[in-house]
């Protein structure tokens, strides 16, 4: 737990995130961030990282609360291979996300909704990616607390 909080503190202490939101609460392995107005998201870092990469930044998963939709954003900590989808699974449900640079997103709002729904009640999220240097990573996230964090995020940004 300390590793997750420390990693998220370091990750989200950059000027971009710090100006947008502050830590509101922690639920299991998930943190809730809000600017007190209209910017809210939940975030987590992997509980396990595997792969043949030599060096990379901190991977993470975010769910951003938008006005009427949510947006899933996954970062690998490295630049993804161009035109290669990231594969994720939430328990037994599988999804593909498109990539740009270090980030991956669902292909549309319907896919975002399906991923978020699965994450809120799931136990484990696995993210598989391939870097621009052809290394691979498999990151495992605990979804413990994701449902409660999501609920808190929605309370903050209505």
N, C-alpha and C. Protein backbone atom coordinates (compact mmCIF):
# COMPACT_ATOMS: atom_id res chain seq x y z
N UNK A 1 0.82 -1.19 0.00
CA UNK A 1 0.00 0.00 0.00
C UNK A 1 0.87 1.26 0.00
N UNK A 2 1.95 1.25 0.81
CA UNK A 2 2.83 2.40 0.84
C UNK A 2 3.44 2.65 -0.53
N UNK A 3 3.80 1.55 -1.25
CA UNK A 3 4.39 1.67 -2.58
C UNK A 3 3.41 2.36 -3.52
N UNK A 4 2.16 1.99 -3.45
CA UNK A 4 1.15 2.57 -4.33
C UNK A 4 0.98 4.06 -4.04
N UNK A 5 0.86 4.41 -2.76
CA UNK A 5 0.69 5.83 -2.42
C UNK A 5 1.92 6.63 -2.80
N UNK A 6 3.12 6.09 -2.53
CA UNK A 6 4.34 6.79 -2.90
C UNK A 6 4.43 6.95 -4.42
N UNK A 7 4.16 5.88 -5.15
CA UNK A 7 4.22 5.94 -6.61
C UNK A 7 3.23 6.95 -7.17
N UNK A 8 2.02 6.95 -6.64
CA UNK A 8 1.02 7.90 -7.13
C UNK A 8 1.37 9.33 -6.73
N UNK A 9 1.95 9.50 -5.54
CA UNK A 9 2.36 10.84 -5.12
C UNK A 9 3.42 11.38 -6.06
N UNK A 10 4.41 10.56 -6.39
CA UNK A 10 5.46 10.97 -7.31
C UNK A 10 4.87 11.21 -8.70
N UNK A 11 4.05 10.27 -9.16
CA UNK A 11 3.47 10.36 -10.50
C UNK A 11 2.63 11.62 -10.67
N UNK A 12 1.79 11.90 -9.72
CA UNK A 12 0.84 12.99 -9.87
C UNK A 12 1.28 14.29 -9.24
N UNK A 13 2.56 14.38 -8.90
CA UNK A 13 3.06 15.64 -8.35
C UNK A 13 3.58 16.57 -9.44
N UNK A 14 3.49 16.14 -10.69
CA UNK A 14 3.93 17.01 -11.78
C UNK A 14 3.01 18.22 -11.86
N UNK A 15 3.49 19.28 -12.44
CA UNK A 15 2.72 20.53 -12.51
C UNK A 15 1.37 20.35 -13.17
N UNK A 16 1.31 19.51 -14.20
CA UNK A 16 0.05 19.31 -14.92
C UNK A 16 -1.03 18.76 -14.01
N UNK A 17 -0.72 17.69 -13.29
CA UNK A 17 -1.71 17.08 -12.43
C UNK A 17 -1.94 17.89 -11.16
N UNK A 18 -0.87 18.45 -10.61
CA UNK A 18 -1.01 19.18 -9.35
C UNK A 18 -1.92 20.39 -9.52
N UNK A 19 -1.85 21.06 -10.66
CA UNK A 19 -2.71 22.22 -10.86
C UNK A 19 -4.15 21.81 -11.12
N UNK A 20 -4.35 20.60 -11.58
CA UNK A 20 -5.70 20.16 -11.93
C UNK A 20 -6.43 19.54 -10.75
N UNK A 21 -5.73 18.79 -9.88
CA UNK A 21 -6.45 18.05 -8.86
C UNK A 21 -5.56 17.72 -7.67
N UNK A 22 -6.23 17.51 -6.54
CA UNK A 22 -5.56 17.12 -5.30
C UNK A 22 -6.14 15.80 -4.81
N UNK A 23 -5.34 15.07 -4.05
CA UNK A 23 -5.81 13.80 -3.50
C UNK A 23 -6.98 14.05 -2.57
N UNK A 24 -8.10 13.38 -2.83
CA UNK A 24 -9.29 13.48 -1.98
C UNK A 24 -9.34 12.32 -1.00
N UNK A 25 -9.15 11.08 -1.50
CA UNK A 25 -9.28 9.91 -0.63
C UNK A 25 -8.63 8.70 -1.28
N UNK A 26 -8.43 7.67 -0.47
CA UNK A 26 -7.87 6.42 -0.94
C UNK A 26 -8.83 5.29 -0.60
N UNK A 27 -9.05 4.41 -1.56
CA UNK A 27 -9.95 3.27 -1.39
C UNK A 27 -9.21 2.03 -1.89
N UNK A 28 -8.72 1.21 -0.99
CA UNK A 28 -7.94 0.04 -1.39
C UNK A 28 -6.71 0.49 -2.15
N UNK A 29 -6.56 0.03 -3.40
CA UNK A 29 -5.42 0.38 -4.24
C UNK A 29 -5.68 1.58 -5.15
N UNK A 30 -6.77 2.29 -4.94
CA UNK A 30 -7.16 3.38 -5.82
C UNK A 30 -7.26 4.70 -5.07
N UNK A 31 -6.77 5.76 -5.70
CA UNK A 31 -6.85 7.11 -5.15
C UNK A 31 -7.83 7.93 -5.96
N UNK A 32 -8.50 8.85 -5.27
CA UNK A 32 -9.46 9.76 -5.90
C UNK A 32 -8.85 11.16 -5.87
N UNK A 33 -8.85 11.83 -7.02
CA UNK A 33 -8.32 13.18 -7.15
C UNK A 33 -9.42 14.11 -7.65
N UNK A 34 -9.40 15.36 -7.16
CA UNK A 34 -10.39 16.35 -7.59
C UNK A 34 -9.80 17.75 -7.46
N UNK A 35 -10.27 18.64 -8.32
CA UNK A 35 -9.88 20.05 -8.19
C UNK A 35 -10.93 20.83 -7.41
N UNK A 36 -11.96 20.12 -6.91
CA UNK A 36 -13.02 20.77 -6.15
C UNK A 36 -14.11 21.37 -7.00
N UNK A 37 -13.99 21.23 -8.32
CA UNK A 37 -14.98 21.80 -9.24
C UNK A 37 -15.48 20.73 -10.20
N UNK A 38 -14.76 20.62 -11.33
CA UNK A 38 -15.25 19.74 -12.39
C UNK A 38 -14.22 18.73 -12.90
N UNK A 39 -13.03 18.71 -12.32
CA UNK A 39 -12.01 17.75 -12.75
C UNK A 39 -11.84 16.69 -11.67
N UNK A 40 -12.17 15.46 -12.01
CA UNK A 40 -12.06 14.34 -11.07
C UNK A 40 -11.54 13.12 -11.81
N UNK A 41 -10.73 12.33 -11.13
CA UNK A 41 -10.29 11.06 -11.68
C UNK A 41 -9.85 10.13 -10.57
N UNK A 42 -9.82 8.84 -10.88
CA UNK A 42 -9.27 7.85 -9.97
C UNK A 42 -8.05 7.25 -10.64
N UNK A 43 -7.10 6.80 -9.83
CA UNK A 43 -5.85 6.30 -10.39
C UNK A 43 -5.27 5.19 -9.54
N UNK A 44 -4.51 4.32 -10.21
CA UNK A 44 -3.78 3.26 -9.51
C UNK A 44 -2.53 2.91 -10.29
N UNK A 45 -1.60 2.26 -9.61
CA UNK A 45 -0.38 1.75 -10.23
C UNK A 45 -0.38 0.23 -10.09
N UNK A 46 0.41 -0.47 -10.89
CA UNK A 46 0.39 -1.93 -10.85
C UNK A 46 0.87 -2.49 -9.50
N UNK A 47 0.29 -3.64 -9.13
CA UNK A 47 0.78 -4.39 -7.98
C UNK A 47 1.86 -5.37 -8.42
N UNK A 48 1.92 -5.62 -9.74
CA UNK A 48 2.95 -6.50 -10.29
C UNK A 48 3.28 -6.02 -11.71
N UNK A 49 4.58 -5.99 -12.01
CA UNK A 49 5.06 -5.59 -13.34
C UNK A 49 5.96 -6.70 -13.88
N UNK A 50 5.70 -7.11 -15.12
CA UNK A 50 6.51 -8.15 -15.74
C UNK A 50 6.80 -7.71 -17.17
N UNK A 51 7.85 -8.26 -17.75
CA UNK A 51 8.17 -7.95 -19.14
C UNK A 51 9.67 -8.00 -19.37
N UNK A 52 10.06 -7.70 -20.62
CA UNK A 52 11.48 -7.72 -20.97
C UNK A 52 12.02 -6.32 -21.23
N UNK A 53 11.38 -5.30 -20.69
CA UNK A 53 11.83 -3.93 -20.84
C UNK A 53 13.06 -3.70 -19.97
N UNK A 54 13.92 -2.79 -20.41
CA UNK A 54 15.12 -2.46 -19.62
C UNK A 54 14.84 -1.33 -18.64
N UNK A 55 14.12 -0.32 -19.11
CA UNK A 55 13.84 0.84 -18.29
C UNK A 55 12.54 1.48 -18.79
N UNK A 56 11.74 1.96 -17.85
CA UNK A 56 10.53 2.69 -18.23
C UNK A 56 10.06 3.52 -17.06
N UNK A 57 9.16 4.44 -17.35
CA UNK A 57 8.58 5.26 -16.30
C UNK A 57 7.50 4.48 -15.56
N UNK A 58 6.82 5.15 -14.65
CA UNK A 58 5.78 4.51 -13.83
C UNK A 58 4.50 4.28 -14.65
N UNK A 59 4.10 3.03 -14.81
CA UNK A 59 2.81 2.77 -15.47
C UNK A 59 1.65 3.11 -14.52
N UNK A 60 0.49 3.43 -15.10
CA UNK A 60 -0.68 3.72 -14.28
C UNK A 60 -1.95 3.57 -15.10
N UNK A 61 -3.08 3.51 -14.38
CA UNK A 61 -4.41 3.53 -14.98
C UNK A 61 -5.18 4.68 -14.36
N UNK A 62 -5.87 5.44 -15.21
CA UNK A 62 -6.74 6.53 -14.76
C UNK A 62 -8.14 6.31 -15.32
N UNK A 63 -9.13 6.72 -14.55
CA UNK A 63 -10.48 6.88 -15.09
C UNK A 63 -10.84 8.33 -14.83
N UNK A 64 -11.01 9.09 -15.91
CA UNK A 64 -11.38 10.50 -15.84
C UNK A 64 -12.90 10.62 -15.88
N UNK A 65 -13.44 11.45 -15.00
CA UNK A 65 -14.87 11.70 -15.02
C UNK A 65 -15.13 12.89 -15.92
N UNK A 66 -15.83 12.63 -17.00
CA UNK A 66 -16.23 13.70 -17.92
C UNK A 66 -17.69 14.02 -17.61
N UNK A 67 -18.25 15.02 -18.24
CA UNK A 67 -19.61 15.44 -17.91
C UNK A 67 -20.62 14.29 -17.91
N UNK A 68 -20.75 13.59 -19.01
CA UNK A 68 -21.72 12.50 -19.07
C UNK A 68 -21.09 11.15 -19.32
N UNK A 69 -19.78 11.14 -19.51
CA UNK A 69 -19.09 9.88 -19.78
C UNK A 69 -17.82 9.79 -18.92
N UNK A 70 -17.22 8.63 -18.93
CA UNK A 70 -15.95 8.42 -18.27
C UNK A 70 -14.95 8.03 -19.34
N UNK A 71 -13.67 8.30 -19.08
CA UNK A 71 -12.63 7.97 -20.05
C UNK A 71 -11.52 7.19 -19.34
N UNK A 72 -11.21 6.01 -19.87
CA UNK A 72 -10.12 5.19 -19.35
C UNK A 72 -8.84 5.59 -20.07
N UNK A 73 -7.78 5.82 -19.30
CA UNK A 73 -6.47 6.18 -19.85
C UNK A 73 -5.43 5.29 -19.17
N UNK A 74 -4.66 4.58 -19.96
CA UNK A 74 -3.63 3.70 -19.43
C UNK A 74 -2.28 4.15 -19.98
N UNK A 75 -1.30 4.26 -19.09
CA UNK A 75 0.06 4.59 -19.51
C UNK A 75 1.00 3.45 -19.13
N UNK A 76 1.88 3.13 -20.03
CA UNK A 76 2.82 2.03 -19.84
C UNK A 76 4.14 2.47 -19.23
N UNK A 77 4.42 3.76 -19.30
CA UNK A 77 5.72 4.24 -18.87
C UNK A 77 6.76 4.17 -19.98
N UNK A 78 6.33 3.79 -21.18
CA UNK A 78 7.19 3.79 -22.37
C UNK A 78 6.33 4.12 -23.58
N UNK A 79 6.95 4.46 -24.69
CA UNK A 79 6.20 4.74 -25.92
C UNK A 79 5.75 3.42 -26.53
N UNK A 80 4.44 3.32 -26.76
CA UNK A 80 3.90 2.11 -27.37
C UNK A 80 4.31 1.99 -28.83
N UNK A 81 4.35 0.78 -29.32
CA UNK A 81 4.61 0.52 -30.74
C UNK A 81 3.44 1.09 -31.54
N UNK A 82 3.76 1.81 -32.58
CA UNK A 82 2.74 2.46 -33.41
C UNK A 82 1.82 1.44 -34.06
N UNK A 83 0.53 1.74 -34.06
CA UNK A 83 -0.52 0.95 -34.71
C UNK A 83 -0.70 -0.45 -34.09
N UNK A 84 -0.23 -0.64 -32.86
CA UNK A 84 -0.44 -1.92 -32.16
C UNK A 84 -1.30 -1.64 -30.93
N UNK A 85 -2.43 -2.33 -30.83
CA UNK A 85 -3.33 -2.13 -29.70
C UNK A 85 -2.76 -2.69 -28.41
N UNK A 86 -3.18 -2.10 -27.31
CA UNK A 86 -2.92 -2.63 -25.98
C UNK A 86 -4.07 -3.57 -25.66
N UNK A 87 -3.76 -4.70 -25.09
CA UNK A 87 -4.79 -5.66 -24.68
C UNK A 87 -4.94 -5.61 -23.18
N UNK A 88 -6.19 -5.45 -22.73
CA UNK A 88 -6.45 -5.49 -21.30
C UNK A 88 -7.50 -6.55 -21.01
N UNK A 89 -7.46 -7.05 -19.81
CA UNK A 89 -8.51 -7.96 -19.37
C UNK A 89 -8.88 -7.62 -17.93
N UNK A 90 -10.17 -7.62 -17.69
CA UNK A 90 -10.71 -7.44 -16.35
C UNK A 90 -11.38 -8.76 -16.03
N UNK A 91 -10.72 -9.51 -15.14
CA UNK A 91 -11.14 -10.87 -14.86
C UNK A 91 -11.22 -11.62 -16.20
N UNK A 92 -12.38 -12.05 -16.64
CA UNK A 92 -12.47 -12.81 -17.91
C UNK A 92 -12.95 -11.97 -19.10
N UNK A 93 -13.08 -10.65 -18.93
CA UNK A 93 -13.53 -9.78 -20.02
C UNK A 93 -12.31 -9.13 -20.67
N UNK A 94 -12.24 -9.21 -22.01
CA UNK A 94 -11.08 -8.68 -22.74
C UNK A 94 -11.47 -7.46 -23.58
N UNK A 95 -10.52 -6.51 -23.68
CA UNK A 95 -10.73 -5.28 -24.43
C UNK A 95 -9.44 -4.91 -25.15
N UNK A 96 -9.57 -4.15 -26.26
CA UNK A 96 -8.41 -3.62 -26.96
C UNK A 96 -8.49 -2.10 -26.94
N UNK A 97 -7.35 -1.47 -26.71
CA UNK A 97 -7.27 -0.01 -26.65
C UNK A 97 -6.28 0.47 -27.70
N UNK A 98 -6.57 1.62 -28.31
CA UNK A 98 -5.63 2.19 -29.27
C UNK A 98 -4.57 2.98 -28.52
N UNK A 99 -3.43 3.19 -29.16
CA UNK A 99 -2.31 3.85 -28.48
C UNK A 99 -1.84 5.10 -29.22
N UNK A 100 -1.24 5.98 -28.44
CA UNK A 100 -0.52 7.15 -28.98
C UNK A 100 0.53 7.49 -27.94
N UNK A 101 1.78 7.44 -28.37
CA UNK A 101 2.91 7.70 -27.49
C UNK A 101 2.87 6.73 -26.29
N UNK A 102 2.78 7.26 -25.05
CA UNK A 102 2.79 6.41 -23.85
C UNK A 102 1.39 6.07 -23.35
N UNK A 103 0.35 6.46 -24.07
CA UNK A 103 -1.01 6.30 -23.57
C UNK A 103 -1.86 5.40 -24.45
N UNK A 104 -2.84 4.77 -23.79
CA UNK A 104 -3.81 3.93 -24.50
C UNK A 104 -5.21 4.31 -24.03
N UNK A 105 -6.14 4.31 -24.97
CA UNK A 105 -7.53 4.67 -24.68
C UNK A 105 -8.48 3.68 -25.35
N UNK A 106 -9.68 3.61 -24.80
CA UNK A 106 -10.74 2.83 -25.42
C UNK A 106 -11.10 3.48 -26.75
N UNK A 107 -11.61 2.67 -27.68
CA UNK A 107 -11.89 3.17 -29.03
C UNK A 107 -13.10 4.10 -29.10
N UNK A 108 -14.02 4.00 -28.11
CA UNK A 108 -15.18 4.87 -28.10
C UNK A 108 -15.82 4.86 -26.70
N UNK A 109 -16.84 5.70 -26.52
CA UNK A 109 -17.50 5.84 -25.22
C UNK A 109 -18.17 4.54 -24.77
N UNK A 110 -18.66 3.76 -25.71
CA UNK A 110 -19.29 2.48 -25.37
C UNK A 110 -18.27 1.53 -24.76
N UNK A 111 -17.08 1.49 -25.34
CA UNK A 111 -16.00 0.64 -24.80
C UNK A 111 -15.55 1.16 -23.44
N UNK A 112 -15.42 2.48 -23.29
CA UNK A 112 -15.07 3.06 -21.99
C UNK A 112 -16.06 2.61 -20.92
N UNK A 113 -17.34 2.70 -21.25
CA UNK A 113 -18.38 2.34 -20.28
C UNK A 113 -18.27 0.86 -19.91
N UNK A 114 -18.04 -0.01 -20.88
CA UNK A 114 -17.91 -1.44 -20.60
C UNK A 114 -16.69 -1.74 -19.73
N UNK A 115 -15.59 -1.06 -20.00
CA UNK A 115 -14.37 -1.27 -19.20
C UNK A 115 -14.60 -0.78 -17.77
N UNK A 116 -15.16 0.40 -17.61
CA UNK A 116 -15.41 0.95 -16.27
C UNK A 116 -16.37 0.05 -15.50
N UNK A 117 -17.42 -0.42 -16.13
CA UNK A 117 -18.37 -1.31 -15.48
C UNK A 117 -17.68 -2.57 -14.99
N UNK A 118 -16.84 -3.15 -15.83
CA UNK A 118 -16.11 -4.36 -15.45
C UNK A 118 -15.14 -4.06 -14.30
N UNK A 119 -14.46 -2.93 -14.35
CA UNK A 119 -13.49 -2.58 -13.31
C UNK A 119 -14.14 -2.36 -11.95
N UNK A 120 -15.33 -1.78 -11.93
CA UNK A 120 -15.99 -1.47 -10.66
C UNK A 120 -16.31 -2.73 -9.86
N UNK A 121 -16.57 -3.84 -10.55
CA UNK A 121 -16.93 -5.06 -9.84
C UNK A 121 -15.87 -6.17 -9.99
N UNK A 122 -14.80 -5.88 -10.70
CA UNK A 122 -13.78 -6.89 -10.94
C UNK A 122 -12.77 -6.99 -9.82
N UNK A 123 -11.89 -7.99 -9.93
CA UNK A 123 -10.85 -8.21 -8.93
C UNK A 123 -9.47 -7.82 -9.45
N UNK A 124 -9.25 -8.03 -10.77
CA UNK A 124 -7.90 -7.84 -11.31
C UNK A 124 -7.97 -7.32 -12.73
N UNK A 125 -7.09 -6.36 -13.04
CA UNK A 125 -6.94 -5.80 -14.37
C UNK A 125 -5.53 -6.14 -14.85
N UNK A 126 -5.42 -6.72 -16.03
CA UNK A 126 -4.12 -7.03 -16.62
C UNK A 126 -3.98 -6.23 -17.91
N UNK A 127 -2.84 -5.54 -18.05
CA UNK A 127 -2.56 -4.70 -19.21
C UNK A 127 -1.33 -5.26 -19.91
N UNK A 128 -1.47 -5.58 -21.22
CA UNK A 128 -0.36 -6.10 -22.01
C UNK A 128 -0.06 -5.12 -23.13
N UNK A 129 1.21 -4.68 -23.20
CA UNK A 129 1.60 -3.73 -24.21
C UNK A 129 2.93 -4.07 -24.84
N UNK A 130 3.18 -3.48 -26.01
CA UNK A 130 4.45 -3.66 -26.73
C UNK A 130 5.01 -2.26 -26.99
N UNK A 131 6.29 -2.09 -26.68
CA UNK A 131 6.92 -0.79 -26.83
C UNK A 131 7.40 -0.55 -28.26
N UNK A 132 7.77 0.69 -28.52
CA UNK A 132 8.33 1.05 -29.83
C UNK A 132 9.66 0.35 -30.08
N UNK A 133 10.28 -0.19 -29.03
CA UNK A 133 11.54 -0.93 -29.15
C UNK A 133 11.31 -2.44 -29.14
N UNK A 134 10.04 -2.85 -29.28
CA UNK A 134 9.61 -4.25 -29.31
C UNK A 134 9.79 -4.99 -28.00
N UNK A 135 9.93 -4.28 -26.89
CA UNK A 135 9.87 -4.96 -25.59
C UNK A 135 8.40 -5.07 -25.21
N UNK A 136 8.11 -5.96 -24.29
CA UNK A 136 6.71 -6.13 -23.88
C UNK A 136 6.59 -5.92 -22.38
N UNK A 137 5.38 -5.64 -21.96
CA UNK A 137 5.09 -5.54 -20.52
C UNK A 137 3.73 -6.16 -20.25
N UNK A 138 3.62 -6.73 -19.07
CA UNK A 138 2.36 -7.22 -18.55
C UNK A 138 2.23 -6.67 -17.15
N UNK A 139 1.32 -5.74 -16.96
CA UNK A 139 1.11 -5.10 -15.67
C UNK A 139 -0.20 -5.58 -15.07
N UNK A 140 -0.15 -5.92 -13.79
CA UNK A 140 -1.33 -6.40 -13.08
C UNK A 140 -1.74 -5.37 -12.04
N UNK A 141 -2.99 -4.97 -12.08
CA UNK A 141 -3.55 -3.99 -11.15
C UNK A 141 -4.60 -4.68 -10.28
N UNK A 142 -4.57 -4.38 -9.00
CA UNK A 142 -5.65 -4.83 -8.13
C UNK A 142 -6.81 -3.87 -8.30
N UNK A 143 -8.00 -4.40 -8.39
CA UNK A 143 -9.18 -3.55 -8.49
C UNK A 143 -9.85 -3.37 -7.13
N UNK A 144 -9.16 -3.80 -6.07
CA UNK A 144 -9.68 -3.61 -4.72
C UNK A 144 -9.84 -2.12 -4.46
N UNK A 145 -11.04 -1.71 -4.18
CA UNK A 145 -11.34 -0.30 -3.91
C UNK A 145 -11.74 0.50 -5.13
N UNK A 146 -11.64 -0.08 -6.33
CA UNK A 146 -11.97 0.67 -7.55
C UNK A 146 -13.43 1.12 -7.56
N UNK A 147 -14.34 0.24 -7.16
CA UNK A 147 -15.76 0.59 -7.14
C UNK A 147 -16.06 1.73 -6.17
N UNK A 148 -15.47 1.66 -4.96
CA UNK A 148 -15.67 2.72 -3.96
C UNK A 148 -15.02 4.03 -4.41
N UNK A 149 -13.85 3.95 -5.02
CA UNK A 149 -13.18 5.15 -5.53
C UNK A 149 -14.01 5.79 -6.64
N UNK A 150 -14.56 4.95 -7.52
CA UNK A 150 -15.39 5.47 -8.61
C UNK A 150 -16.62 6.19 -8.04
N UNK A 151 -17.24 5.58 -7.06
CA UNK A 151 -18.43 6.18 -6.45
C UNK A 151 -18.09 7.55 -5.84
N UNK A 152 -16.96 7.63 -5.14
CA UNK A 152 -16.52 8.89 -4.54
C UNK A 152 -16.23 9.93 -5.61
N UNK A 153 -15.57 9.51 -6.69
CA UNK A 153 -15.28 10.42 -7.79
C UNK A 153 -16.58 11.03 -8.34
N UNK A 154 -17.58 10.20 -8.52
CA UNK A 154 -18.86 10.68 -9.07
C UNK A 154 -19.58 11.61 -8.09
N UNK A 155 -19.39 11.41 -6.78
CA UNK A 155 -19.97 12.32 -5.80
C UNK A 155 -19.32 13.71 -5.89
N UNK A 156 -18.02 13.71 -6.16
CA UNK A 156 -17.28 14.97 -6.22
C UNK A 156 -17.57 15.76 -7.51
N UNK A 157 -17.71 15.06 -8.61
CA UNK A 157 -17.93 15.72 -9.91
C UNK A 157 -19.26 15.28 -10.48
N UNK A 158 -20.29 15.99 -10.11
CA UNK A 158 -21.65 15.64 -10.56
C UNK A 158 -21.97 16.34 -11.87
